[in-house]
Amino acid sequence: MTPKAALAALTLLAAATPALAQDKKFVGYTITTQSPDVRGVMLHEGYSVKQVIAFVQKSCGGKIGPFALATKTHRKGGFTLKNFRTTCPAGPAARFDGTERLSVEHERLPDGRTLTEYFYVSGGESKRLVEFE
């Protein structure tokens, strides 16, 4: 996910009422074939590190490397965020049609389910895959 896309998603979260905003969980990241580095952002006190690792592992075409969570938080759109890093040397999982770049967003919905959106390009065509868990 591009930084602009992450900020846009977080801006949408900022529009939530204060009661809902306190219960929000969001994480977004990008996996590419050009670099093994995976960088992402997550709401502080949202998903656990274990959950974020599981999300990234599901999107990666192989094993991910060590997970590093930033020690400092930053504020954007009324939310407290943390950056994270890991690696995915294999690039995006095969189910994404050999794409070179995969941007992923996970968000907890009010009903408790997780909405996952995958953005990628396959055969020159931009695609979006939506899943609910």
N, C-alpha and C. Protein backbone atom coordinates (compact mmCIF):
# COMPACT_ATOMS: atom_id res chain seq x y z
N MET A 1 0.84 -1.16 0.00
CA MET A 1 0.00 0.00 0.00
C MET A 1 0.89 1.23 0.00
N THR A 2 0.52 2.17 -0.79
CA THR A 2 1.29 3.40 -0.83
C THR A 2 1.00 4.19 0.44
N PRO A 3 1.92 5.06 0.83
CA PRO A 3 1.64 5.88 2.01
C PRO A 3 0.36 6.70 1.86
N LYS A 4 0.09 7.18 0.63
CA LYS A 4 -1.14 7.95 0.40
C LYS A 4 -2.38 7.09 0.63
N ALA A 5 -2.33 5.82 0.19
CA ALA A 5 -3.47 4.92 0.37
C ALA A 5 -3.69 4.64 1.85
N ALA A 6 -2.60 4.44 2.58
CA ALA A 6 -2.70 4.19 4.02
C ALA A 6 -3.31 5.39 4.73
N LEU A 7 -2.86 6.58 4.34
CA LEU A 7 -3.40 7.79 4.96
C LEU A 7 -4.86 7.99 4.61
N ALA A 8 -5.23 7.66 3.39
CA ALA A 8 -6.63 7.78 2.99
C ALA A 8 -7.50 6.84 3.80
N ALA A 9 -7.02 5.63 4.00
CA ALA A 9 -7.78 4.66 4.80
C ALA A 9 -7.91 5.14 6.24
N LEU A 10 -6.83 5.68 6.77
CA LEU A 10 -6.88 6.16 8.15
C LEU A 10 -7.75 7.40 8.28
N THR A 11 -7.82 8.21 7.24
CA THR A 11 -8.70 9.36 7.26
C THR A 11 -10.15 8.92 7.35
N LEU A 12 -10.49 7.84 6.64
CA LEU A 12 -11.84 7.30 6.74
C LEU A 12 -12.13 6.84 8.16
N LEU A 13 -11.14 6.24 8.79
CA LEU A 13 -11.32 5.81 10.18
C LEU A 13 -11.54 7.00 11.10
N ALA A 14 -10.90 8.12 10.78
CA ALA A 14 -11.01 9.30 11.62
C ALA A 14 -12.43 9.85 11.65
N ALA A 15 -13.21 9.55 10.63
CA ALA A 15 -14.58 10.03 10.56
C ALA A 15 -15.51 9.25 11.50
N ALA A 16 -15.03 8.15 12.05
CA ALA A 16 -15.86 7.33 12.95
C ALA A 16 -16.15 8.09 14.24
N THR A 17 -17.26 7.72 14.88
CA THR A 17 -17.57 8.35 16.15
C THR A 17 -16.53 7.95 17.17
N PRO A 18 -16.32 8.77 18.24
CA PRO A 18 -15.30 8.44 19.23
C PRO A 18 -15.46 7.06 19.84
N ALA A 19 -16.69 6.63 20.10
CA ALA A 19 -16.89 5.30 20.69
C ALA A 19 -16.43 4.21 19.75
N LEU A 20 -16.76 4.35 18.46
CA LEU A 20 -16.33 3.35 17.49
C LEU A 20 -14.83 3.43 17.25
N ALA A 21 -14.29 4.64 17.24
CA ALA A 21 -12.86 4.81 16.95
C ALA A 21 -12.01 4.11 18.00
N GLN A 22 -12.46 4.08 19.24
CA GLN A 22 -11.69 3.43 20.29
C GLN A 22 -11.62 1.93 20.08
N ASP A 23 -12.59 1.36 19.36
CA ASP A 23 -12.63 -0.08 19.15
C ASP A 23 -12.09 -0.47 17.77
N LYS A 24 -11.55 0.47 17.02
CA LYS A 24 -11.07 0.20 15.67
C LYS A 24 -9.77 -0.60 15.69
N LYS A 25 -9.65 -1.43 14.67
CA LYS A 25 -8.40 -2.16 14.43
C LYS A 25 -8.13 -2.05 12.95
N PHE A 26 -6.91 -1.65 12.60
CA PHE A 26 -6.53 -1.48 11.20
C PHE A 26 -5.05 -1.77 11.04
N VAL A 27 -4.71 -2.41 9.92
CA VAL A 27 -3.31 -2.60 9.56
C VAL A 27 -3.24 -2.58 8.03
N GLY A 28 -2.19 -1.96 7.50
CA GLY A 28 -1.98 -1.93 6.07
C GLY A 28 -0.50 -2.07 5.75
N TYR A 29 -0.20 -2.73 4.63
CA TYR A 29 1.20 -2.97 4.25
C TYR A 29 1.27 -3.31 2.77
N THR A 30 2.49 -3.28 2.24
CA THR A 30 2.74 -3.59 0.83
C THR A 30 3.85 -4.61 0.71
N ILE A 31 3.65 -5.60 -0.17
CA ILE A 31 4.66 -6.62 -0.48
C ILE A 31 4.98 -6.49 -1.96
N THR A 32 6.29 -6.45 -2.30
CA THR A 32 6.68 -6.33 -3.70
C THR A 32 7.72 -7.40 -4.05
N THR A 33 7.92 -7.60 -5.35
CA THR A 33 8.98 -8.51 -5.80
C THR A 33 10.30 -7.76 -5.95
N GLN A 34 10.25 -6.42 -5.99
CA GLN A 34 11.47 -5.63 -6.17
C GLN A 34 12.33 -5.58 -4.92
N SER A 35 11.74 -5.76 -3.75
CA SER A 35 12.47 -5.69 -2.49
C SER A 35 11.84 -6.66 -1.50
N PRO A 36 12.66 -7.31 -0.68
CA PRO A 36 12.08 -8.20 0.33
C PRO A 36 11.44 -7.44 1.49
N ASP A 37 11.71 -6.14 1.60
CA ASP A 37 11.20 -5.36 2.72
C ASP A 37 9.69 -5.18 2.66
N VAL A 38 9.06 -5.37 3.78
CA VAL A 38 7.63 -5.11 3.94
C VAL A 38 7.50 -4.05 5.02
N ARG A 39 6.90 -2.96 4.67
CA ARG A 39 6.68 -1.87 5.63
C ARG A 39 5.19 -1.64 5.74
N GLY A 40 4.76 -1.39 6.97
CA GLY A 40 3.33 -1.19 7.16
C GLY A 40 3.05 -0.27 8.32
N VAL A 41 1.77 -0.03 8.53
CA VAL A 41 1.30 0.81 9.62
C VAL A 41 0.10 0.13 10.26
N MET A 42 -0.02 0.30 11.56
CA MET A 42 -1.14 -0.28 12.28
C MET A 42 -1.60 0.68 13.36
N LEU A 43 -2.88 0.59 13.72
CA LEU A 43 -3.37 1.39 14.83
C LEU A 43 -2.74 0.87 16.11
N HIS A 44 -2.23 1.79 16.91
CA HIS A 44 -1.67 1.42 18.21
C HIS A 44 -2.82 0.89 19.07
N GLU A 45 -2.58 -0.19 19.78
CA GLU A 45 -3.58 -0.87 20.61
C GLU A 45 -4.72 -1.43 19.77
N GLY A 46 -4.42 -1.78 18.52
CA GLY A 46 -5.41 -2.42 17.65
C GLY A 46 -5.11 -3.91 17.60
N TYR A 47 -4.83 -4.42 16.41
CA TYR A 47 -4.48 -5.83 16.28
C TYR A 47 -3.19 -6.12 17.04
N SER A 48 -3.07 -7.34 17.56
CA SER A 48 -1.84 -7.74 18.25
C SER A 48 -0.74 -8.01 17.22
N VAL A 49 0.49 -8.00 17.68
CA VAL A 49 1.62 -8.31 16.80
C VAL A 49 1.44 -9.69 16.19
N LYS A 50 0.97 -10.64 16.98
CA LYS A 50 0.75 -12.01 16.50
C LYS A 50 -0.26 -12.01 15.34
N GLN A 51 -1.33 -11.23 15.47
CA GLN A 51 -2.33 -11.15 14.41
C GLN A 51 -1.75 -10.52 13.14
N VAL A 52 -0.96 -9.46 13.30
CA VAL A 52 -0.36 -8.78 12.15
C VAL A 52 0.61 -9.72 11.43
N ILE A 53 1.40 -10.45 12.19
CA ILE A 53 2.33 -11.42 11.58
C ILE A 53 1.54 -12.46 10.78
N ALA A 54 0.43 -12.94 11.32
CA ALA A 54 -0.39 -13.93 10.60
C ALA A 54 -0.96 -13.33 9.31
N PHE A 55 -1.39 -12.07 9.35
CA PHE A 55 -1.90 -11.42 8.15
C PHE A 55 -0.81 -11.35 7.07
N VAL A 56 0.38 -10.87 7.45
CA VAL A 56 1.46 -10.72 6.48
C VAL A 56 1.87 -12.08 5.93
N GLN A 57 1.93 -13.09 6.80
CA GLN A 57 2.32 -14.44 6.36
C GLN A 57 1.35 -14.97 5.32
N LYS A 58 0.07 -14.70 5.50
CA LYS A 58 -0.95 -15.18 4.56
C LYS A 58 -0.79 -14.52 3.18
N SER A 59 -0.30 -13.29 3.15
CA SER A 59 -0.14 -12.55 1.90
C SER A 59 1.19 -12.82 1.21
N CYS A 60 2.15 -13.34 1.95
CA CYS A 60 3.50 -13.57 1.45
C CYS A 60 3.59 -14.93 0.76
N GLY A 61 4.42 -15.00 -0.28
CA GLY A 61 4.60 -16.25 -1.02
C GLY A 61 5.52 -17.25 -0.34
N GLY A 62 6.05 -16.93 0.81
CA GLY A 62 6.94 -17.82 1.56
C GLY A 62 6.96 -17.38 3.01
N LYS A 63 8.00 -17.75 3.71
CA LYS A 63 8.12 -17.35 5.12
C LYS A 63 8.53 -15.89 5.23
N ILE A 64 8.01 -15.24 6.27
CA ILE A 64 8.43 -13.86 6.50
C ILE A 64 9.60 -13.85 7.48
N GLY A 65 10.33 -12.75 7.46
CA GLY A 65 11.49 -12.60 8.34
C GLY A 65 11.08 -12.06 9.70
N PRO A 66 12.07 -11.64 10.49
CA PRO A 66 11.78 -11.09 11.82
C PRO A 66 10.87 -9.87 11.72
N PHE A 67 10.00 -9.73 12.70
CA PHE A 67 9.03 -8.63 12.75
C PHE A 67 9.55 -7.57 13.70
N ALA A 68 9.62 -6.32 13.25
CA ALA A 68 10.09 -5.21 14.08
C ALA A 68 9.00 -4.16 14.17
N LEU A 69 8.56 -3.90 15.38
CA LEU A 69 7.54 -2.89 15.64
C LEU A 69 8.23 -1.63 16.13
N ALA A 70 7.88 -0.48 15.57
CA ALA A 70 8.48 0.78 15.99
C ALA A 70 8.22 1.02 17.47
N THR A 71 9.19 1.62 18.14
CA THR A 71 9.01 1.90 19.56
C THR A 71 8.23 3.19 19.78
N LYS A 72 8.25 4.08 18.78
CA LYS A 72 7.53 5.35 18.91
C LYS A 72 6.24 5.30 18.09
N THR A 73 5.24 5.98 18.59
CA THR A 73 3.98 6.11 17.88
C THR A 73 3.92 7.49 17.24
N HIS A 74 3.01 7.65 16.31
CA HIS A 74 2.76 8.97 15.73
C HIS A 74 1.25 9.12 15.55
N ARG A 75 0.79 10.36 15.49
CA ARG A 75 -0.63 10.62 15.37
C ARG A 75 -0.97 11.10 13.97
N LYS A 76 -2.08 10.60 13.45
CA LYS A 76 -2.56 11.01 12.13
C LYS A 76 -4.07 10.88 12.13
N GLY A 77 -4.76 11.93 11.77
CA GLY A 77 -6.21 11.88 11.68
C GLY A 77 -6.89 11.51 12.98
N GLY A 78 -6.30 11.88 14.10
CA GLY A 78 -6.89 11.58 15.41
C GLY A 78 -6.59 10.18 15.92
N PHE A 79 -5.77 9.41 15.21
CA PHE A 79 -5.43 8.05 15.62
C PHE A 79 -3.96 7.96 15.97
N THR A 80 -3.65 7.08 16.89
CA THR A 80 -2.27 6.81 17.25
C THR A 80 -1.82 5.58 16.47
N LEU A 81 -0.74 5.74 15.70
CA LEU A 81 -0.27 4.70 14.79
C LEU A 81 1.13 4.23 15.16
N LYS A 82 1.43 3.01 14.72
CA LYS A 82 2.78 2.46 14.84
C LYS A 82 3.18 1.88 13.50
N ASN A 83 4.41 2.11 13.12
CA ASN A 83 4.95 1.50 11.91
C ASN A 83 5.55 0.15 12.26
N PHE A 84 5.65 -0.72 11.27
CA PHE A 84 6.32 -2.00 11.48
C PHE A 84 7.07 -2.38 10.21
N ARG A 85 8.01 -3.31 10.38
CA ARG A 85 8.80 -3.83 9.25
C ARG A 85 8.98 -5.32 9.41
N THR A 86 9.06 -5.99 8.29
CA THR A 86 9.44 -7.39 8.23
C THR A 86 9.96 -7.63 6.81
N THR A 87 10.19 -8.86 6.46
CA THR A 87 10.61 -9.16 5.09
C THR A 87 9.78 -10.30 4.52
N CYS A 88 9.69 -10.31 3.20
CA CYS A 88 9.00 -11.37 2.46
C CYS A 88 9.81 -11.59 1.19
N PRO A 89 10.92 -12.34 1.28
CA PRO A 89 11.79 -12.53 0.12
C PRO A 89 11.10 -13.16 -1.09
N ALA A 90 10.07 -13.94 -0.88
CA ALA A 90 9.39 -14.62 -1.99
C ALA A 90 8.41 -13.72 -2.74
N GLY A 91 8.13 -12.54 -2.20
CA GLY A 91 7.15 -11.66 -2.83
C GLY A 91 5.73 -12.09 -2.52
N PRO A 92 4.74 -11.50 -3.19
CA PRO A 92 3.34 -11.81 -2.92
C PRO A 92 3.01 -13.30 -3.18
N ALA A 93 2.02 -13.80 -2.44
CA ALA A 93 1.58 -15.19 -2.58
C ALA A 93 1.13 -15.47 -4.02
N ALA A 94 1.26 -16.72 -4.45
CA ALA A 94 0.95 -17.14 -5.82
C ALA A 94 -0.49 -16.86 -6.21
N ARG A 95 -1.40 -16.85 -5.27
CA ARG A 95 -2.81 -16.64 -5.60
C ARG A 95 -3.09 -15.25 -6.17
N PHE A 96 -2.08 -14.37 -6.16
CA PHE A 96 -2.24 -13.03 -6.71
C PHE A 96 -1.66 -12.92 -8.11
N ASP A 97 -1.71 -14.00 -8.86
CA ASP A 97 -1.40 -14.05 -10.29
C ASP A 97 -0.04 -13.46 -10.68
N GLY A 98 0.98 -13.70 -9.87
CA GLY A 98 2.31 -13.25 -10.22
C GLY A 98 2.50 -11.75 -10.19
N THR A 99 1.67 -11.04 -9.45
CA THR A 99 1.79 -9.59 -9.36
C THR A 99 3.13 -9.18 -8.75
N GLU A 100 3.61 -8.03 -9.14
CA GLU A 100 4.87 -7.52 -8.59
C GLU A 100 4.65 -6.71 -7.33
N ARG A 101 3.43 -6.21 -7.13
CA ARG A 101 3.15 -5.35 -5.97
C ARG A 101 1.76 -5.67 -5.43
N LEU A 102 1.70 -5.95 -4.14
CA LEU A 102 0.44 -6.27 -3.47
C LEU A 102 0.28 -5.34 -2.27
N SER A 103 -0.79 -4.59 -2.26
CA SER A 103 -1.11 -3.73 -1.11
C SER A 103 -2.30 -4.34 -0.39
N VAL A 104 -2.20 -4.40 0.93
CA VAL A 104 -3.20 -5.10 1.73
C VAL A 104 -3.67 -4.22 2.88
N GLU A 105 -4.96 -4.25 3.14
CA GLU A 105 -5.55 -3.56 4.28
C GLU A 105 -6.46 -4.53 5.03
N HIS A 106 -6.33 -4.56 6.34
CA HIS A 106 -7.21 -5.36 7.20
C HIS A 106 -7.88 -4.39 8.17
N GLU A 107 -9.20 -4.51 8.31
CA GLU A 107 -9.92 -3.65 9.22
C GLU A 107 -10.99 -4.45 9.96
N ARG A 108 -11.05 -4.26 11.26
CA ARG A 108 -12.09 -4.92 12.05
C ARG A 108 -13.38 -4.13 11.88
N LEU A 109 -14.45 -4.85 11.54
CA LEU A 109 -15.76 -4.24 11.35
C LEU A 109 -16.52 -4.21 12.68
N PRO A 110 -17.54 -3.36 12.78
CA PRO A 110 -18.31 -3.28 14.03
C PRO A 110 -18.91 -4.62 14.46
N ASP A 111 -19.19 -5.52 13.50
CA ASP A 111 -19.76 -6.82 13.87
C ASP A 111 -18.70 -7.83 14.31
N GLY A 112 -17.44 -7.40 14.37
CA GLY A 112 -16.37 -8.28 14.85
C GLY A 112 -15.60 -9.01 13.75
N ARG A 113 -16.12 -9.02 12.53
CA ARG A 113 -15.41 -9.67 11.43
C ARG A 113 -14.26 -8.78 10.96
N THR A 114 -13.32 -9.38 10.24
CA THR A 114 -12.22 -8.63 9.65
C THR A 114 -12.44 -8.53 8.15
N LEU A 115 -12.43 -7.30 7.66
CA LEU A 115 -12.50 -7.02 6.22
C LEU A 115 -11.06 -6.93 5.72
N THR A 116 -10.72 -7.73 4.71
CA THR A 116 -9.40 -7.68 4.11
C THR A 116 -9.56 -7.30 2.65
N GLU A 117 -8.80 -6.28 2.23
CA GLU A 117 -8.81 -5.85 0.83
C GLU A 117 -7.40 -5.99 0.27
N TYR A 118 -7.31 -6.68 -0.86
CA TYR A 118 -6.04 -6.87 -1.56
C TYR A 118 -6.10 -6.06 -2.86
N PHE A 119 -5.09 -5.25 -3.11
CA PHE A 119 -5.01 -4.46 -4.34
C PHE A 119 -3.76 -4.89 -5.09
N TYR A 120 -3.93 -5.28 -6.37
CA TYR A 120 -2.79 -5.75 -7.15
C TYR A 120 -3.09 -5.61 -8.64
N VAL A 121 -2.07 -5.83 -9.47
CA VAL A 121 -2.23 -5.76 -10.92
C VAL A 121 -1.94 -7.14 -11.49
N SER A 122 -2.82 -7.61 -12.36
CA SER A 122 -2.66 -8.90 -13.01
C SER A 122 -2.96 -8.72 -14.49
N GLY A 123 -2.00 -9.07 -15.34
CA GLY A 123 -2.19 -8.94 -16.78
C GLY A 123 -2.47 -7.52 -17.22
N GLY A 124 -1.85 -6.56 -16.53
CA GLY A 124 -2.03 -5.16 -16.86
C GLY A 124 -3.32 -4.55 -16.33
N GLU A 125 -4.12 -5.33 -15.63
CA GLU A 125 -5.40 -4.86 -15.11
C GLU A 125 -5.36 -4.76 -13.59
N SER A 126 -5.78 -3.61 -13.05
CA SER A 126 -5.84 -3.42 -11.60
C SER A 126 -6.96 -4.28 -11.04
N LYS A 127 -6.67 -4.96 -9.94
CA LYS A 127 -7.67 -5.84 -9.33
C LYS A 127 -7.79 -5.54 -7.85
N ARG A 128 -8.97 -5.87 -7.33
CA ARG A 128 -9.25 -5.72 -5.90
C ARG A 128 -9.97 -6.98 -5.45
N LEU A 129 -9.43 -7.63 -4.45
CA LEU A 129 -10.05 -8.82 -3.88
C LEU A 129 -10.48 -8.50 -2.46
N VAL A 130 -11.71 -8.80 -2.13
CA VAL A 130 -12.25 -8.52 -0.80
C VAL A 130 -12.59 -9.83 -0.13
N GLU A 131 -12.17 -9.97 1.14
CA GLU A 131 -12.48 -11.17 1.94
C GLU A 131 -12.99 -10.74 3.31
N PHE A 132 -13.85 -11.55 3.89
CA PHE A 132 -14.33 -11.34 5.25
C PHE A 132 -13.97 -12.56 6.07
N GLU A 133 -13.47 -12.33 7.26
CA GLU A 133 -13.15 -13.44 8.17
C GLU A 133 -13.87 -13.23 9.47
